[in-house]
Amino acid sequence: NFALDLPFSAWLSVAALVIQSLLYYLSRFLNKTKQSRILSIVIIHIIITVNYFFNSGTGGPSLLLLLAVFFLVVAVADPKTYKYWVALNVLIALGLLSCEYFYPTTIQGQYVSPSIKYGDLASSYCLCSLTILTGLLYLKSNYYQSQRLLHSKAEDLEKINQTKNRMFSIIS
């Protein structure tokens, strides 16, 4: 964003990076994972909402970023609460679109040239793709790890069952 002469979005991204780093520290080293997850989801939604108004609304990358956050929220939120986070994400997206539709003057930050707009959209697309890819790899890794553990437990149970059958045959 700095290279594309979008200083507001760039500083907003720097702020997001600093905040997310602090939340990572809170989660990993202070064992405050639940609080960190909640704060992270809320703060990211706030940052993207602010970015929407100052970075061209539907003409900018904010809805694309909001969609990537939607995926991440579904991937990392507790199963009991993710439906609320998903509802929040969808309501924010619909609220932003409605706000822009009914009050178009609230949207600022028109791009000064098409190349800057396409550069911003392309970099945001790459970031979203990388985010989704990382999330999918994480989910698949956990799934395969669970499958390996399940298969191992099934083999152990089969061995125990065979031992039990041998013991009963010896006893009988």
N, C-alpha and C. Protein backbone atom coordinates (compact mmCIF):
# COMPACT_ATOMS: atom_id res chain seq x y z
N ASN A 1 0.82 -1.21 0.00
CA ASN A 1 0.00 0.00 0.00
C ASN A 1 0.86 1.27 0.00
N PHE A 2 2.00 1.21 0.67
CA PHE A 2 2.90 2.36 0.60
C PHE A 2 3.39 2.55 -0.83
N ALA A 3 3.74 1.45 -1.50
CA ALA A 3 4.24 1.52 -2.87
C ALA A 3 3.16 1.99 -3.83
N LEU A 4 1.90 1.72 -3.50
CA LEU A 4 0.79 2.13 -4.36
C LEU A 4 0.26 3.52 -4.02
N ASP A 5 0.97 4.21 -3.13
CA ASP A 5 0.57 5.55 -2.70
C ASP A 5 -0.81 5.55 -2.06
N LEU A 6 -1.02 4.56 -1.18
CA LEU A 6 -2.24 4.46 -0.38
C LEU A 6 -1.83 4.49 1.10
N PRO A 7 -1.40 5.67 1.57
CA PRO A 7 -0.83 5.73 2.92
C PRO A 7 -1.81 5.37 4.04
N PHE A 8 -3.06 5.75 3.91
CA PHE A 8 -4.01 5.43 4.98
C PHE A 8 -4.16 3.93 5.13
N SER A 9 -4.36 3.25 4.02
CA SER A 9 -4.48 1.79 4.06
C SER A 9 -3.19 1.14 4.53
N ALA A 10 -2.07 1.71 4.15
CA ALA A 10 -0.78 1.16 4.58
C ALA A 10 -0.62 1.27 6.09
N TRP A 11 -0.92 2.43 6.65
CA TRP A 11 -0.78 2.60 8.09
C TRP A 11 -1.81 1.76 8.84
N LEU A 12 -2.98 1.60 8.26
CA LEU A 12 -3.99 0.74 8.85
C LEU A 12 -3.49 -0.71 8.87
N SER A 13 -2.82 -1.12 7.82
CA SER A 13 -2.24 -2.47 7.76
C SER A 13 -1.13 -2.64 8.79
N VAL A 14 -0.31 -1.61 8.95
CA VAL A 14 0.76 -1.66 9.96
C VAL A 14 0.14 -1.79 11.36
N ALA A 15 -0.90 -1.01 11.61
CA ALA A 15 -1.59 -1.09 12.91
C ALA A 15 -2.15 -2.49 13.12
N ALA A 16 -2.76 -3.05 12.09
CA ALA A 16 -3.30 -4.41 12.19
C ALA A 16 -2.21 -5.42 12.48
N LEU A 17 -1.07 -5.27 11.83
CA LEU A 17 0.06 -6.18 12.06
C LEU A 17 0.55 -6.10 13.50
N VAL A 18 0.68 -4.90 14.02
CA VAL A 18 1.14 -4.72 15.40
C VAL A 18 0.13 -5.31 16.38
N ILE A 19 -1.14 -5.01 16.17
CA ILE A 19 -2.19 -5.52 17.06
C ILE A 19 -2.24 -7.05 17.01
N GLN A 20 -2.21 -7.60 15.81
CA GLN A 20 -2.26 -9.06 15.68
C GLN A 20 -1.03 -9.72 16.29
N SER A 21 0.12 -9.07 16.19
CA SER A 21 1.34 -9.61 16.83
C SER A 21 1.19 -9.63 18.35
N LEU A 22 0.64 -8.57 18.90
CA LEU A 22 0.40 -8.53 20.35
C LEU A 22 -0.61 -9.60 20.77
N LEU A 23 -1.63 -9.79 19.96
CA LEU A 23 -2.61 -10.82 20.28
C LEU A 23 -2.02 -12.22 20.15
N TYR A 24 -1.12 -12.40 19.20
CA TYR A 24 -0.41 -13.68 19.08
C TYR A 24 0.40 -13.94 20.34
N TYR A 25 1.10 -12.93 20.80
CA TYR A 25 1.87 -13.05 22.05
C TYR A 25 0.95 -13.40 23.21
N LEU A 26 -0.17 -12.71 23.31
CA LEU A 26 -1.15 -12.96 24.36
C LEU A 26 -1.64 -14.40 24.31
N SER A 27 -1.86 -14.90 23.12
CA SER A 27 -2.37 -16.26 22.95
C SER A 27 -1.32 -17.32 23.25
N ARG A 28 -0.15 -17.18 22.64
CA ARG A 28 0.86 -18.23 22.72
C ARG A 28 1.67 -18.24 24.01
N PHE A 29 1.98 -17.09 24.54
CA PHE A 29 2.88 -17.02 25.68
C PHE A 29 2.19 -16.72 27.01
N LEU A 30 1.00 -16.15 26.95
CA LEU A 30 0.26 -15.87 28.19
C LEU A 30 -0.96 -16.78 28.33
N ASN A 31 -1.12 -17.70 27.39
CA ASN A 31 -2.22 -18.68 27.41
C ASN A 31 -3.60 -18.04 27.52
N LYS A 32 -3.79 -16.96 26.82
CA LYS A 32 -5.08 -16.28 26.76
C LYS A 32 -5.67 -16.44 25.36
N THR A 33 -5.79 -17.68 24.93
CA THR A 33 -6.20 -17.95 23.55
C THR A 33 -7.62 -17.47 23.26
N LYS A 34 -8.53 -17.76 24.15
CA LYS A 34 -9.93 -17.39 23.92
C LYS A 34 -10.08 -15.87 23.80
N GLN A 35 -9.49 -15.14 24.75
CA GLN A 35 -9.58 -13.68 24.72
C GLN A 35 -8.89 -13.12 23.48
N SER A 36 -7.76 -13.71 23.14
CA SER A 36 -7.01 -13.26 21.97
C SER A 36 -7.82 -13.48 20.69
N ARG A 37 -8.46 -14.62 20.59
CA ARG A 37 -9.26 -14.93 19.40
C ARG A 37 -10.42 -13.95 19.26
N ILE A 38 -11.11 -13.68 20.36
CA ILE A 38 -12.24 -12.75 20.33
C ILE A 38 -11.78 -11.35 19.93
N LEU A 39 -10.73 -10.86 20.59
CA LEU A 39 -10.21 -9.53 20.26
C LEU A 39 -9.74 -9.46 18.81
N SER A 40 -9.09 -10.50 18.36
CA SER A 40 -8.58 -10.52 16.99
C SER A 40 -9.71 -10.42 15.97
N ILE A 41 -10.76 -11.21 16.18
CA ILE A 41 -11.89 -11.18 15.24
C ILE A 41 -12.55 -9.81 15.24
N VAL A 42 -12.78 -9.26 16.41
CA VAL A 42 -13.44 -7.95 16.51
C VAL A 42 -12.57 -6.86 15.87
N ILE A 43 -11.29 -6.83 16.21
CA ILE A 43 -10.40 -5.78 15.71
C ILE A 43 -10.24 -5.86 14.20
N ILE A 44 -10.09 -7.06 13.67
CA ILE A 44 -9.95 -7.20 12.21
C ILE A 44 -11.20 -6.70 11.50
N HIS A 45 -12.37 -6.98 12.04
CA HIS A 45 -13.60 -6.48 11.43
C HIS A 45 -13.66 -4.95 11.49
N ILE A 46 -13.23 -4.38 12.58
CA ILE A 46 -13.21 -2.91 12.69
C ILE A 46 -12.24 -2.32 11.67
N ILE A 47 -11.06 -2.89 11.56
CA ILE A 47 -10.05 -2.36 10.63
C ILE A 47 -10.54 -2.45 9.19
N ILE A 48 -11.14 -3.56 8.83
CA ILE A 48 -11.64 -3.70 7.45
C ILE A 48 -12.80 -2.75 7.21
N THR A 49 -13.64 -2.54 8.21
CA THR A 49 -14.75 -1.59 8.06
C THR A 49 -14.22 -0.17 7.83
N VAL A 50 -13.25 0.24 8.62
CA VAL A 50 -12.65 1.56 8.43
C VAL A 50 -12.00 1.65 7.05
N ASN A 51 -11.28 0.60 6.68
CA ASN A 51 -10.63 0.59 5.36
C ASN A 51 -11.65 0.72 4.23
N TYR A 52 -12.80 0.12 4.40
CA TYR A 52 -13.85 0.19 3.38
C TYR A 52 -14.22 1.64 3.07
N PHE A 53 -14.38 2.45 4.12
CA PHE A 53 -14.79 3.83 3.92
C PHE A 53 -13.68 4.71 3.36
N PHE A 54 -12.42 4.37 3.63
CA PHE A 54 -11.32 5.21 3.17
C PHE A 54 -10.56 4.63 1.98
N ASN A 55 -11.02 3.49 1.48
CA ASN A 55 -10.32 2.87 0.36
C ASN A 55 -11.30 2.44 -0.72
N SER A 56 -12.14 3.35 -1.13
CA SER A 56 -12.99 3.22 -2.31
C SER A 56 -14.17 2.27 -2.21
N GLY A 57 -14.55 1.85 -1.03
CA GLY A 57 -15.76 1.03 -0.88
C GLY A 57 -15.74 -0.21 -1.74
N THR A 58 -16.79 -0.38 -2.55
CA THR A 58 -16.87 -1.57 -3.42
C THR A 58 -15.84 -1.53 -4.53
N GLY A 59 -15.27 -0.37 -4.78
CA GLY A 59 -14.22 -0.27 -5.79
C GLY A 59 -12.86 -0.69 -5.27
N GLY A 60 -12.76 -0.91 -3.95
CA GLY A 60 -11.51 -1.31 -3.33
C GLY A 60 -11.53 -2.77 -2.89
N PRO A 61 -10.53 -3.16 -2.14
CA PRO A 61 -10.39 -4.58 -1.79
C PRO A 61 -11.06 -5.01 -0.49
N SER A 62 -11.75 -4.12 0.18
CA SER A 62 -12.23 -4.43 1.53
C SER A 62 -13.20 -5.60 1.59
N LEU A 63 -14.11 -5.72 0.63
CA LEU A 63 -15.03 -6.85 0.65
C LEU A 63 -14.31 -8.17 0.41
N LEU A 64 -13.28 -8.13 -0.41
CA LEU A 64 -12.46 -9.32 -0.63
C LEU A 64 -11.75 -9.72 0.66
N LEU A 65 -11.23 -8.74 1.38
CA LEU A 65 -10.57 -9.01 2.66
C LEU A 65 -11.58 -9.52 3.69
N LEU A 66 -12.77 -8.97 3.66
CA LEU A 66 -13.82 -9.40 4.58
C LEU A 66 -14.20 -10.86 4.31
N LEU A 67 -14.17 -11.27 3.07
CA LEU A 67 -14.45 -12.66 2.72
C LEU A 67 -13.35 -13.59 3.24
N ALA A 68 -12.10 -13.15 3.16
CA ALA A 68 -11.00 -13.96 3.70
C ALA A 68 -11.14 -14.08 5.22
N VAL A 69 -11.55 -13.00 5.88
CA VAL A 69 -11.77 -13.04 7.32
C VAL A 69 -12.93 -13.99 7.65
N PHE A 70 -13.94 -13.99 6.81
CA PHE A 70 -15.07 -14.92 6.97
C PHE A 70 -14.55 -16.36 7.02
N PHE A 71 -13.68 -16.70 6.08
CA PHE A 71 -13.11 -18.05 6.06
C PHE A 71 -12.31 -18.33 7.32
N LEU A 72 -11.47 -17.39 7.71
CA LEU A 72 -10.64 -17.61 8.90
C LEU A 72 -11.48 -17.75 10.17
N VAL A 73 -12.52 -16.97 10.27
CA VAL A 73 -13.38 -17.05 11.45
C VAL A 73 -14.03 -18.43 11.53
N VAL A 74 -14.52 -18.92 10.41
CA VAL A 74 -15.12 -20.25 10.40
C VAL A 74 -14.07 -21.31 10.74
N ALA A 75 -12.84 -21.09 10.31
CA ALA A 75 -11.78 -22.08 10.53
C ALA A 75 -11.29 -22.10 11.99
N VAL A 76 -11.24 -20.95 12.66
CA VAL A 76 -10.61 -20.91 13.98
C VAL A 76 -11.57 -20.70 15.15
N ALA A 77 -12.77 -20.27 14.89
CA ALA A 77 -13.69 -19.99 16.00
C ALA A 77 -14.21 -21.29 16.62
N ASP A 78 -14.61 -21.19 17.86
CA ASP A 78 -15.22 -22.32 18.53
C ASP A 78 -16.49 -22.72 17.81
N PRO A 79 -16.76 -24.02 17.70
CA PRO A 79 -17.99 -24.45 17.02
C PRO A 79 -19.26 -23.86 17.63
N LYS A 80 -19.23 -23.59 18.92
CA LYS A 80 -20.41 -23.03 19.58
C LYS A 80 -20.65 -21.58 19.22
N THR A 81 -19.59 -20.86 18.86
CA THR A 81 -19.72 -19.42 18.66
C THR A 81 -19.53 -18.96 17.22
N TYR A 82 -19.01 -19.83 16.34
CA TYR A 82 -18.68 -19.30 15.02
C TYR A 82 -19.89 -18.83 14.26
N LYS A 83 -21.08 -19.36 14.54
CA LYS A 83 -22.27 -18.88 13.83
C LYS A 83 -22.54 -17.41 14.14
N TYR A 84 -22.21 -16.97 15.35
CA TYR A 84 -22.38 -15.56 15.70
C TYR A 84 -21.35 -14.69 14.98
N TRP A 85 -20.12 -15.21 14.87
CA TRP A 85 -19.08 -14.47 14.16
C TRP A 85 -19.40 -14.39 12.68
N VAL A 86 -19.92 -15.48 12.13
CA VAL A 86 -20.30 -15.48 10.71
C VAL A 86 -21.43 -14.48 10.49
N ALA A 87 -22.41 -14.48 11.40
CA ALA A 87 -23.51 -13.52 11.29
C ALA A 87 -22.98 -12.08 11.36
N LEU A 88 -22.03 -11.83 12.26
CA LEU A 88 -21.43 -10.50 12.36
C LEU A 88 -20.76 -10.12 11.05
N ASN A 89 -19.99 -11.04 10.49
CA ASN A 89 -19.28 -10.78 9.23
C ASN A 89 -20.26 -10.45 8.11
N VAL A 90 -21.30 -11.24 7.98
CA VAL A 90 -22.30 -11.02 6.92
C VAL A 90 -23.04 -9.70 7.15
N LEU A 91 -23.40 -9.42 8.39
CA LEU A 91 -24.09 -8.15 8.68
C LEU A 91 -23.21 -6.95 8.38
N ILE A 92 -21.93 -7.06 8.69
CA ILE A 92 -21.01 -5.96 8.37
C ILE A 92 -20.93 -5.76 6.86
N ALA A 93 -20.80 -6.86 6.12
CA ALA A 93 -20.71 -6.75 4.66
C ALA A 93 -21.98 -6.12 4.09
N LEU A 94 -23.13 -6.61 4.52
CA LEU A 94 -24.39 -6.05 4.03
C LEU A 94 -24.58 -4.61 4.49
N GLY A 95 -24.16 -4.30 5.71
CA GLY A 95 -24.25 -2.93 6.21
C GLY A 95 -23.37 -1.98 5.42
N LEU A 96 -22.16 -2.42 5.10
CA LEU A 96 -21.27 -1.57 4.31
C LEU A 96 -21.83 -1.32 2.92
N LEU A 97 -22.34 -2.38 2.31
CA LEU A 97 -22.93 -2.22 0.97
C LEU A 97 -24.15 -1.30 1.01
N SER A 98 -24.99 -1.46 2.03
CA SER A 98 -26.17 -0.59 2.16
C SER A 98 -25.76 0.85 2.40
N CYS A 99 -24.78 1.04 3.24
CA CYS A 99 -24.30 2.40 3.54
C CYS A 99 -23.78 3.08 2.28
N GLU A 100 -23.01 2.32 1.51
CA GLU A 100 -22.48 2.90 0.27
C GLU A 100 -23.61 3.18 -0.73
N TYR A 101 -24.59 2.32 -0.76
CA TYR A 101 -25.71 2.50 -1.70
C TYR A 101 -26.54 3.72 -1.33
N PHE A 102 -26.88 3.84 -0.05
CA PHE A 102 -27.75 4.94 0.37
C PHE A 102 -27.00 6.24 0.65
N TYR A 103 -25.73 6.14 1.02
CA TYR A 103 -24.93 7.32 1.33
C TYR A 103 -23.58 7.24 0.61
N PRO A 104 -23.58 7.36 -0.69
CA PRO A 104 -22.33 7.18 -1.45
C PRO A 104 -21.25 8.20 -1.11
N THR A 105 -21.63 9.32 -0.56
CA THR A 105 -20.63 10.34 -0.24
C THR A 105 -19.77 9.97 0.98
N THR A 106 -20.17 8.92 1.72
CA THR A 106 -19.37 8.49 2.88
C THR A 106 -18.11 7.73 2.45
N ILE A 107 -18.06 7.33 1.20
CA ILE A 107 -16.91 6.57 0.70
C ILE A 107 -15.87 7.54 0.17
N GLN A 108 -14.63 7.36 0.64
CA GLN A 108 -13.54 8.23 0.22
C GLN A 108 -12.43 7.41 -0.40
N GLY A 109 -11.42 8.12 -0.84
CA GLY A 109 -10.20 7.47 -1.28
C GLY A 109 -10.26 6.87 -2.67
N GLN A 110 -10.79 7.60 -3.60
CA GLN A 110 -10.78 7.10 -4.97
C GLN A 110 -9.34 6.98 -5.45
N TYR A 111 -9.10 5.98 -6.22
CA TYR A 111 -7.74 5.75 -6.74
C TYR A 111 -7.38 6.85 -7.73
N VAL A 112 -6.10 7.25 -7.72
CA VAL A 112 -5.66 8.32 -8.61
C VAL A 112 -5.39 7.80 -10.02
N SER A 113 -5.21 6.50 -10.16
CA SER A 113 -5.02 5.93 -11.50
C SER A 113 -5.48 4.48 -11.50
N PRO A 114 -5.84 3.99 -12.69
CA PRO A 114 -6.26 2.59 -12.77
C PRO A 114 -5.17 1.60 -12.35
N SER A 115 -3.91 1.93 -12.61
CA SER A 115 -2.83 1.01 -12.25
C SER A 115 -2.73 0.84 -10.73
N ILE A 116 -2.97 1.91 -9.98
CA ILE A 116 -2.95 1.81 -8.52
C ILE A 116 -4.12 0.96 -8.04
N LYS A 117 -5.28 1.17 -8.65
CA LYS A 117 -6.46 0.37 -8.27
C LYS A 117 -6.19 -1.11 -8.53
N TYR A 118 -5.70 -1.44 -9.71
CA TYR A 118 -5.46 -2.85 -10.04
C TYR A 118 -4.33 -3.43 -9.19
N GLY A 119 -3.33 -2.62 -8.87
CA GLY A 119 -2.27 -3.07 -7.98
C GLY A 119 -2.79 -3.39 -6.58
N ASP A 120 -3.68 -2.53 -6.08
CA ASP A 120 -4.27 -2.75 -4.77
C ASP A 120 -5.14 -4.00 -4.78
N LEU A 121 -5.97 -4.12 -5.80
CA LEU A 121 -6.84 -5.30 -5.89
C LEU A 121 -6.03 -6.58 -6.08
N ALA A 122 -4.99 -6.52 -6.88
CA ALA A 122 -4.16 -7.71 -7.12
C ALA A 122 -3.42 -8.13 -5.85
N SER A 123 -2.86 -7.15 -5.14
CA SER A 123 -2.15 -7.51 -3.90
C SER A 123 -3.11 -8.02 -2.85
N SER A 124 -4.31 -7.47 -2.79
CA SER A 124 -5.30 -7.95 -1.83
C SER A 124 -5.77 -9.35 -2.21
N TYR A 125 -5.93 -9.60 -3.49
CA TYR A 125 -6.31 -10.94 -3.93
C TYR A 125 -5.24 -11.95 -3.55
N CYS A 126 -3.98 -11.60 -3.76
CA CYS A 126 -2.88 -12.50 -3.39
C CYS A 126 -2.86 -12.75 -1.89
N LEU A 127 -3.07 -11.70 -1.10
CA LEU A 127 -3.11 -11.84 0.35
C LEU A 127 -4.27 -12.74 0.78
N CYS A 128 -5.43 -12.53 0.19
CA CYS A 128 -6.60 -13.36 0.53
C CYS A 128 -6.37 -14.81 0.12
N SER A 129 -5.81 -15.01 -1.07
CA SER A 129 -5.52 -16.38 -1.52
C SER A 129 -4.54 -17.07 -0.60
N LEU A 130 -3.51 -16.35 -0.19
CA LEU A 130 -2.52 -16.91 0.73
C LEU A 130 -3.15 -17.23 2.09
N THR A 131 -4.02 -16.36 2.55
CA THR A 131 -4.72 -16.58 3.82
C THR A 131 -5.58 -17.82 3.74
N ILE A 132 -6.35 -17.94 2.68
CA ILE A 132 -7.23 -19.10 2.52
C ILE A 132 -6.40 -20.38 2.35
N LEU A 133 -5.33 -20.31 1.57
CA LEU A 133 -4.47 -21.47 1.40
C LEU A 133 -3.86 -21.91 2.73
N THR A 134 -3.37 -20.96 3.51
CA THR A 134 -2.79 -21.28 4.81
C THR A 134 -3.84 -21.91 5.73
N GLY A 135 -5.03 -21.34 5.73
CA GLY A 135 -6.10 -21.90 6.55
C GLY A 135 -6.48 -23.30 6.12
N LEU A 136 -6.58 -23.52 4.82
CA LEU A 136 -6.93 -24.85 4.32
C LEU A 136 -5.83 -25.87 4.65
N LEU A 137 -4.59 -25.48 4.49
CA LEU A 137 -3.49 -26.39 4.83
C LEU A 137 -3.51 -26.74 6.31
N TYR A 138 -3.80 -25.76 7.14
CA TYR A 138 -3.90 -26.00 8.58
C TYR A 138 -5.04 -26.98 8.87
N LEU A 139 -6.20 -26.75 8.28
CA LEU A 139 -7.34 -27.64 8.51
C LEU A 139 -7.06 -29.05 7.99
N LYS A 140 -6.47 -29.15 6.80
CA LYS A 140 -6.16 -30.46 6.25
C LYS A 140 -5.12 -31.18 7.10
N SER A 141 -4.13 -30.46 7.57
CA SER A 141 -3.10 -31.05 8.43
C SER A 141 -3.73 -31.63 9.69
N ASN A 142 -4.60 -30.86 10.33
CA ASN A 142 -5.28 -31.34 11.53
C ASN A 142 -6.16 -32.54 11.22
N TYR A 143 -6.84 -32.50 10.09
CA TYR A 143 -7.70 -33.61 9.70
C TYR A 143 -6.89 -34.88 9.50
N TYR A 144 -5.79 -34.80 8.75
CA TYR A 144 -4.97 -35.99 8.50
C TYR A 144 -4.30 -36.49 9.78
N GLN A 145 -3.92 -35.59 10.65
CA GLN A 145 -3.35 -35.99 11.93
C GLN A 145 -4.39 -36.75 12.75
N SER A 146 -5.61 -36.26 12.77
CA SER A 146 -6.69 -36.95 13.47
C SER A 146 -6.97 -38.31 12.86
N GLN A 147 -6.93 -38.38 11.54
CA GLN A 147 -7.16 -39.66 10.86
C GLN A 147 -6.07 -40.67 11.21
N ARG A 148 -4.81 -40.22 11.25
CA ARG A 148 -3.71 -41.11 11.61
C ARG A 148 -3.87 -41.61 13.04
N LEU A 149 -4.25 -40.72 13.94
CA LEU A 149 -4.45 -41.10 15.32
C LEU A 149 -5.61 -42.09 15.44
N LEU A 150 -6.68 -41.84 14.73
CA LEU A 150 -7.83 -42.73 14.73
C LEU A 150 -7.46 -44.11 14.19
N HIS A 151 -6.70 -44.13 13.11
CA HIS A 151 -6.26 -45.40 12.52
C HIS A 151 -5.36 -46.15 13.50
N SER A 152 -4.48 -45.46 14.17
CA SER A 152 -3.59 -46.07 15.15
C SER A 152 -4.39 -46.67 16.30
N LYS A 153 -5.38 -45.93 16.79
CA LYS A 153 -6.22 -46.42 17.87
C LYS A 153 -7.02 -47.64 17.42
N ALA A 154 -7.50 -47.63 16.20
CA ALA A 154 -8.24 -48.78 15.66
C ALA A 154 -7.34 -50.02 15.60
N GLU A 155 -6.10 -49.84 15.17
CA GLU A 155 -5.15 -50.96 15.13
C GLU A 155 -4.88 -51.49 16.53
N ASP A 156 -4.71 -50.59 17.49
CA ASP A 156 -4.48 -51.00 18.88
C ASP A 156 -5.67 -51.80 19.41
N LEU A 157 -6.88 -51.32 19.11
CA LEU A 157 -8.08 -52.04 19.55
C LEU A 157 -8.17 -53.42 18.91
N GLU A 158 -7.79 -53.50 17.65
CA GLU A 158 -7.81 -54.80 16.96
C GLU A 158 -6.82 -55.76 17.61
N LYS A 159 -5.63 -55.29 17.96
CA LYS A 159 -4.64 -56.14 18.64
C LYS A 159 -5.15 -56.59 20.01
N ILE A 160 -5.75 -55.67 20.75
CA ILE A 160 -6.30 -56.01 22.06
C ILE A 160 -7.40 -57.05 21.92
N ASN A 161 -8.24 -56.86 20.91
CA ASN A 161 -9.33 -57.81 20.66
C ASN A 161 -8.78 -59.19 20.30
N GLN A 162 -7.75 -59.26 19.49
CA GLN A 162 -7.13 -60.54 19.15
C GLN A 162 -6.52 -61.20 20.38
N THR A 163 -5.87 -60.41 21.22
CA THR A 163 -5.29 -60.95 22.45
C THR A 163 -6.38 -61.49 23.36
N LYS A 164 -7.47 -60.76 23.48
CA LYS A 164 -8.61 -61.21 24.29
C LYS A 164 -9.16 -62.52 23.75
N ASN A 165 -9.31 -62.62 22.43
CA ASN A 165 -9.84 -63.84 21.82
C ASN A 165 -8.91 -65.02 22.08
N ARG A 166 -7.60 -64.80 21.97
CA ARG A 166 -6.63 -65.87 22.25
C ARG A 166 -6.72 -66.31 23.69
N MET A 167 -6.84 -65.34 24.60
CA MET A 167 -6.92 -65.66 26.01
C MET A 167 -8.16 -66.49 26.31
N PHE A 168 -9.31 -66.09 25.71
CA PHE A 168 -10.53 -66.86 25.94
C PHE A 168 -10.44 -68.25 25.33
N SER A 169 -9.77 -68.38 24.20
CA SER A 169 -9.63 -69.71 23.60
C SER A 169 -8.72 -70.61 24.45
N ILE A 170 -7.70 -70.00 25.06
CA ILE A 170 -6.83 -70.77 25.95
C ILE A 170 -7.61 -71.19 27.19
N ILE A 171 -8.37 -70.28 27.75
CA ILE A 171 -9.15 -70.58 28.94
C ILE A 171 -10.19 -71.66 28.66
N SER A 172 -10.83 -71.57 27.51
CA SER A 172 -11.87 -72.55 27.21
C SER A 172 -11.26 -73.88 26.85
